[in-house]
Amino acid sequence: MTELVFCHLLNDASGSPRVLLGAMRALCSDGSRGKLFVGSEGRGVLEQCQIPITRYWNVRPRRRLLKPFAYLASQASLFLALLRDRTIARDAVIYVNTLLPFGAALFGKFTGRTVVYHIHESSVESRALRSLLRFVVRRTSSANVYVSEAHALALPIPGVPAFTVHNALDEGMAEAAARSVYRWRPGGVFRVLMVGSLRDYKGIPEFLSLVASLEGRADIRFDLVVNDEVEEVERYSPGRHRPRRLQIHPRTQDMARFYADANVVLNLTRVDLCEETFGMTILEAMSFGVPVIVPPVGGPAELVADGIQGFLVDSRHGARLRERLLELADDDALCAAMSEAARRRARAFSLPKFNAAIRAVVSGTC
């Protein structure tokens, strides 16, 4: 029975901890023992992991200049927390989720244990940090798991075996999607949903511009669900004009109700600033039969065929984005066809397939 030591930085409701939760369930379902080491800041989906949790020090300071020092201190804390845990088996696999918890990879290398990376990021803002993290992966990892083919091509690590394992819906979301029926313009209102963090590179300014450009369409309403608390929403938008038909919702554990009400889901990540590695919210929306408008590169382009399950649009092209949205808002038959195609496509990303692929990667390193 292999022991697996899972390591992650920030526990919230975003995609990477949700995928990690699925990996933990897949890898520990055969009787293997597991432990989770996660940063002390934040409480999110990883609270559901049902394996022992150790929290190491991690705090994100408000001041930008302090962030690099706090991050490096957090990784020293992770390394020491692992080193102090004398119950970790000598043949344990150290499973590092995202590039960021590199203290765990150093621990694995230092103690002669196998290290597996599950890489989700397309980029890290600091060039120096990006170089450091890629160096650590190259020197410590026995296998790298990528979430899409595009991601594996965009972030190659020479000398480390690479495996593509597409993300999958968790059981709860899949069950909710199976019960949901797509309804076009219920009550005469076309509902537009966007999900993402309050970061400019996620396309928030482009989304606000889109909403403002459609002020004259009283039949179109907009919802923005952010992976942030109410306080962060207020800090992000002081002085910004908030259109009347836009409602902003803070972090939630119940995304299913938003997908069930949506007529279209947008992902407006700026392709010149960030490339989406997969797009978990895109897959979730499609599983509910909701057409999507997504970036034309990266993971989303593997999920969506332009004009079939939705549209591929560069969010910097505001006129094209508005045009495509109005096509959906005014065409019942088009939405119905895309809804059916989206559900069919989403079924290809099944949980059993994900589970089998993750187990195969880890068993191959032991």
Foldseek 3Di string as FASTA:
>chain_A
DAEEEEEEEEAFADDQVVLVLLLLCLQPVVPHAYEYEYAPPYHYDCVPSPHHYDHWHADADPDPVCRVVRLVVRLVRVLVVVVPPPPRDLAHEYEYGALRNLSSQVNCVVSVYAYEYEHFFLDDPDPVVRVVSLVSCLPRHQEYEAQDPQSCVSDPRPPHHYHYFHGADDPVLLVLLVPADDDALVVQAAEEEEEEALDVQQVPVLVQVLCVVVLVPPRYAYEYEHRADPVVVCVSQVPNDHRPRYDYHYDDPCCSVVLSPHQEYEGARAPVVGAGQACPVLLSSLLNLHAYEYACDHNVVVQDDDQQLHHHDHSVPSVVVNVRVVVSNPDPVSSNRNSVRSNVSSVVNHSVSSSVRSNVVVVVRD
